[in-house]
C-alpha atoms as a PDB file:
ATOM      1  CA  UNK A   1     217.836 192.148 134.554  1.00  0.00           C
ATOM      2  CA  UNK A   2     218.143 188.734 135.832  1.00  0.00           C
ATOM      3  CA  UNK A   3     219.388 188.836 139.213  1.00  0.00           C
ATOM      4  CA  UNK A   4     221.922 186.091 138.246  1.00  0.00           C
ATOM      5  CA  UNK A   5     223.034 188.604 135.296  1.00  0.00           C
ATOM      6  CA  UNK A   6     223.210 191.695 137.748  1.00  0.00           C
ATOM      7  CA  UNK A   7     225.409 189.269 139.671  1.00  0.00           C
ATOM      8  CA  UNK A   8     227.655 188.160 137.150  1.00  0.00           C
ATOM      9  CA  UNK A   9     228.165 191.915 135.712  1.00  0.00           C
ATOM     10  CA  UNK A  10     228.671 192.238 139.764  1.00  0.00           C
ATOM     11  CA  UNK A  11     231.621 190.032 140.111  1.00  0.00           C
ATOM     12  CA  UNK A  12     229.634 188.226 143.162  1.00  0.00           C
ATOM     13  CA  UNK A  13     228.797 184.509 143.233  1.00  0.00           C
ATOM     14  CA  UNK A  14     224.073 185.100 142.993  1.00  0.00           C
ATOM     15  CA  UNK A  15     223.754 182.400 146.094  1.00  0.00           C
ATOM     16  CA  UNK A  16     225.745 184.615 148.584  1.00  0.00           C
ATOM     17  CA  UNK A  17     223.493 187.808 147.332  1.00  0.00           C
ATOM     18  CA  UNK A  18     220.549 188.799 150.281  1.00  0.00           C
ATOM     19  CA  UNK A  19     217.589 187.094 149.427  1.00  0.00           C
ATOM     20  CA  UNK A  20     215.644 190.562 148.344  1.00  0.00           C
ATOM     21  CA  UNK A  21     218.410 190.698 145.543  1.00  0.00           C
ATOM     22  CA  UNK A  22     218.094 187.159 144.741  1.00  0.00           C
ATOM     23  CA  UNK A  23     214.504 187.076 144.219  1.00  0.00           C
ATOM     24  CA  UNK A  24     214.269 190.817 142.400  1.00  0.00           C
ATOM     25  CA  UNK A  25     214.797 192.203 139.103  1.00  0.00           C
ATOM     26  CA  UNK A  26     217.623 194.317 138.541  1.00  0.00           C
ATOM     27  CA  UNK A  27     217.239 197.815 136.402  1.00  0.00           C
ATOM     28  CA  UNK A  28     220.046 198.682 134.954  1.00  0.00           C
ATOM     29  CA  UNK A  29     220.192 201.733 136.830  1.00  0.00           C
ATOM     30  CA  UNK A  30     220.127 199.689 140.176  1.00  0.00           C
ATOM     31  CA  UNK A  31     222.727 198.141 138.692  1.00  0.00           C
ATOM     32  CA  UNK A  32     224.999 201.178 137.888  1.00  0.00           C
ATOM     33  CA  UNK A  33     223.753 202.379 140.825  1.00  0.00           C
ATOM     34  CA  UNK A  34     225.929 199.189 142.756  1.00  0.00           C
ATOM     35  CA  UNK A  35     228.528 199.816 140.531  1.00  0.00           C
ATOM     36  CA  UNK A  36     228.560 203.349 141.686  1.00  0.00           C
ATOM     37  CA  UNK A  37     228.232 203.424 145.226  1.00  0.00           C
ATOM     38  CA  UNK A  38     228.292 199.432 146.262  1.00  0.00           C
ATOM     39  CA  UNK A  39     226.260 198.671 149.608  1.00  0.00           C
ATOM     40  CA  UNK A  40     228.141 197.468 152.424  1.00  0.00           C
ATOM     41  CA  UNK A  41     226.790 193.484 151.577  1.00  0.00           C
ATOM     42  CA  UNK A  42     228.553 193.967 147.886  1.00  0.00           C
ATOM     43  CA  UNK A  43     232.104 195.476 149.131  1.00  0.00           C
ATOM     44  CA  UNK A  44     231.786 192.102 152.227  1.00  0.00           C
ATOM     45  CA  UNK A  45     231.454 190.085 148.768  1.00  0.00           C
ATOM     46  CA  UNK A  46     233.664 191.596 147.247  1.00  0.00           C
ATOM     47  CA  UNK A  47     236.456 191.726 149.144  1.00  0.00           C
ATOM     48  CA  UNK A  48     235.917 188.388 151.357  1.00  0.00           C
ATOM     49  CA  UNK A  49     233.737 186.443 148.938  1.00  0.00           C
ATOM     50  CA  UNK A  50     232.614 183.449 148.219  1.00  0.00           C
ATOM     51  CA  UNK A  51     233.687 184.260 144.487  1.00  0.00           C
ATOM     52  CA  UNK A  52     233.106 182.659 141.711  1.00  0.00           C
ATOM     53  CA  UNK A  53     235.041 181.371 139.269  1.00  0.00           C
ATOM     54  CA  UNK A  54     235.721 184.232 137.033  1.00  0.00           C
ATOM     55  CA  UNK A  55     236.662 185.692 140.059  1.00  0.00           C
ATOM     56  CA  UNK A  56     239.169 182.729 141.642  1.00  0.00           C
ATOM     57  CA  UNK A  57     240.776 181.889 138.024  1.00  0.00           C
ATOM     58  CA  UNK A  58     241.780 186.311 138.201  1.00  0.00           C
ATOM     59  CA  UNK A  59     243.118 186.146 141.721  1.00  0.00           C
ATOM     60  CA  UNK A  60     245.083 183.173 141.003  1.00  0.00           C
ATOM     61  CA  UNK A  61     246.060 183.719 137.644  1.00  0.00           C
ATOM     62  CA  UNK A  62     245.283 181.275 135.657  1.00  0.00           C
ATOM     63  CA  UNK A  63     241.663 180.013 133.362  1.00  0.00           C
ATOM     64  CA  UNK A  64     239.035 178.739 134.364  1.00  0.00           C
ATOM     65  CA  UNK A  65     239.859 175.706 132.750  1.00  0.00           C
ATOM     66  CA  UNK A  66     242.861 175.739 134.755  1.00  0.00           C
ATOM     67  CA  UNK A  67     240.073 175.727 137.866  1.00  0.00           C
ATOM     68  CA  UNK A  68     238.776 172.551 136.164  1.00  0.00           C
ATOM     69  CA  UNK A  69     241.957 171.403 135.020  1.00  0.00           C
ATOM     70  CA  UNK A  70     242.732 171.502 139.219  1.00  0.00           C
ATOM     71  CA  UNK A  71     239.314 170.327 140.059  1.00  0.00           C
ATOM     72  CA  UNK A  72     238.533 172.998 142.309  1.00  0.00           C
ATOM     73  CA  UNK A  73     234.339 173.516 141.375  1.00  0.00           C
ATOM     74  CA  UNK A  74     233.408 175.307 144.674  1.00  0.00           C
ATOM     75  CA  UNK A  75     233.215 178.990 145.331  1.00  0.00           C
ATOM     76  CA  UNK A  76     236.746 179.654 146.977  1.00  0.00           C
ATOM     77  CA  UNK A  77     236.982 183.196 149.620  1.00  0.00           C
ATOM     78  CA  UNK A  78     239.879 185.181 149.298  1.00  0.00           C
ATOM     79  CA  UNK A  79     241.246 183.356 152.820  1.00  0.00           C
ATOM     80  CA  UNK A  80     241.452 180.315 150.740  1.00  0.00           C
ATOM     81  CA  UNK A  81     242.309 181.829 147.566  1.00  0.00           C
ATOM     82  CA  UNK A  82     245.309 183.309 149.653  1.00  0.00           C
ATOM     83  CA  UNK A  83     245.949 179.888 151.869  1.00  0.00           C
ATOM     84  CA  UNK A  84     246.479 178.466 147.794  1.00  0.00           C
ATOM     85  CA  UNK A  85     248.849 181.274 146.945  1.00  0.00           C
ATOM     86  CA  UNK A  86     250.566 180.853 150.220  1.00  0.00           C
ATOM     87  CA  UNK A  87     250.830 177.078 149.054  1.00  0.00           C
ATOM     88  CA  UNK A  88     252.236 177.462 145.269  1.00  0.00           C
ATOM     89  CA  UNK A  89     250.645 173.833 144.399  1.00  0.00           C
ATOM     90  CA  UNK A  90     251.647 172.180 141.338  1.00  0.00           C
ATOM     91  CA  UNK A  91     248.772 172.446 139.966  1.00  0.00           C
ATOM     92  CA  UNK A  92     248.857 176.342 140.142  1.00  0.00           C
ATOM     93  CA  UNK A  93     252.464 176.929 138.889  1.00  0.00           C
ATOM     94  CA  UNK A  94     252.084 174.815 136.425  1.00  0.00           C
ATOM     95  CA  UNK A  95     248.150 176.448 135.535  1.00  0.00           C
ATOM     96  CA  UNK A  96     250.113 179.326 135.888  1.00  0.00           C
ATOM     97  CA  UNK A  97     252.478 178.893 133.588  1.00  0.00           C
ATOM     98  CA  UNK A  98     249.646 177.890 130.599  1.00  0.00           C
ATOM     99  CA  UNK A  99     248.278 181.172 130.690  1.00  0.00           C
ATOM    100  CA  UNK A 100     251.631 183.420 130.397  1.00  0.00           C
ATOM    101  CA  UNK A 101     252.171 181.179 127.318  1.00  0.00           C
ATOM    102  CA  UNK A 102     248.837 181.644 126.060  1.00  0.00           C
ATOM    103  CA  UNK A 103     248.723 185.319 126.742  1.00  0.00           C
ATOM    104  CA  UNK A 104     252.310 185.772 124.966  1.00  0.00           C
ATOM    105  CA  UNK A 105     251.253 183.890 121.982  1.00  0.00           C
ATOM    106  CA  UNK A 106     247.842 185.696 121.327  1.00  0.00           C
ATOM    107  CA  UNK A 107     250.121 189.218 122.054  1.00  0.00           C
ATOM    108  CA  UNK A 108     252.916 187.578 118.884  1.00  0.00           C
ATOM    109  CA  UNK A 109     248.964 186.905 116.643  1.00  0.00           C
ATOM    110  CA  UNK A 110     247.952 190.478 117.706  1.00  0.00           C
ATOM    111  CA  UNK A 111     251.050 191.803 116.676  1.00  0.00           C
ATOM    112  CA  UNK A 112     251.939 189.810 113.357  1.00  0.00           C
ATOM    113  CA  UNK A 113     248.009 191.180 112.911  1.00  0.00           C
ATOM    114  CA  UNK A 114     248.014 194.464 112.751  1.00  0.00           C
ATOM    115  CA  UNK A 115     251.868 194.071 111.141  1.00  0.00           C
ATOM    116  CA  UNK A 116     249.895 193.216 108.017  1.00  0.00           C
ATOM    117  CA  UNK A 117     249.187 195.606 105.254  1.00  0.00           C
ATOM    118  CA  UNK A 118     244.852 196.281 104.818  1.00  0.00           C
ATOM    119  CA  UNK A 119     243.476 194.798 101.813  1.00  0.00           C
END
């Protein structure tokens, strides 16, 4: 698979990976090995970042769209994410509430579908 696909599956930013990873091809077996026993560079990236948007959004408890509304378009490090959590800006509070509301609605709809008789 392409390095970009492998990086996405590993939850890391492609530009932050080693050159040999970016310039090579990753087989399924190699991907499985990286997930099962991550090398130091992968552990460092997962721990410290910079992190791709899906990881940033998840760690902040907001959606990717919420990041875009807050005009956060660049990858963030773990320290930057922690600073935002500590600071608790208005947009973060608002987007967390919105995400929680969406999740409650999805659960309600799921329960409603499950309660319907099978056709």
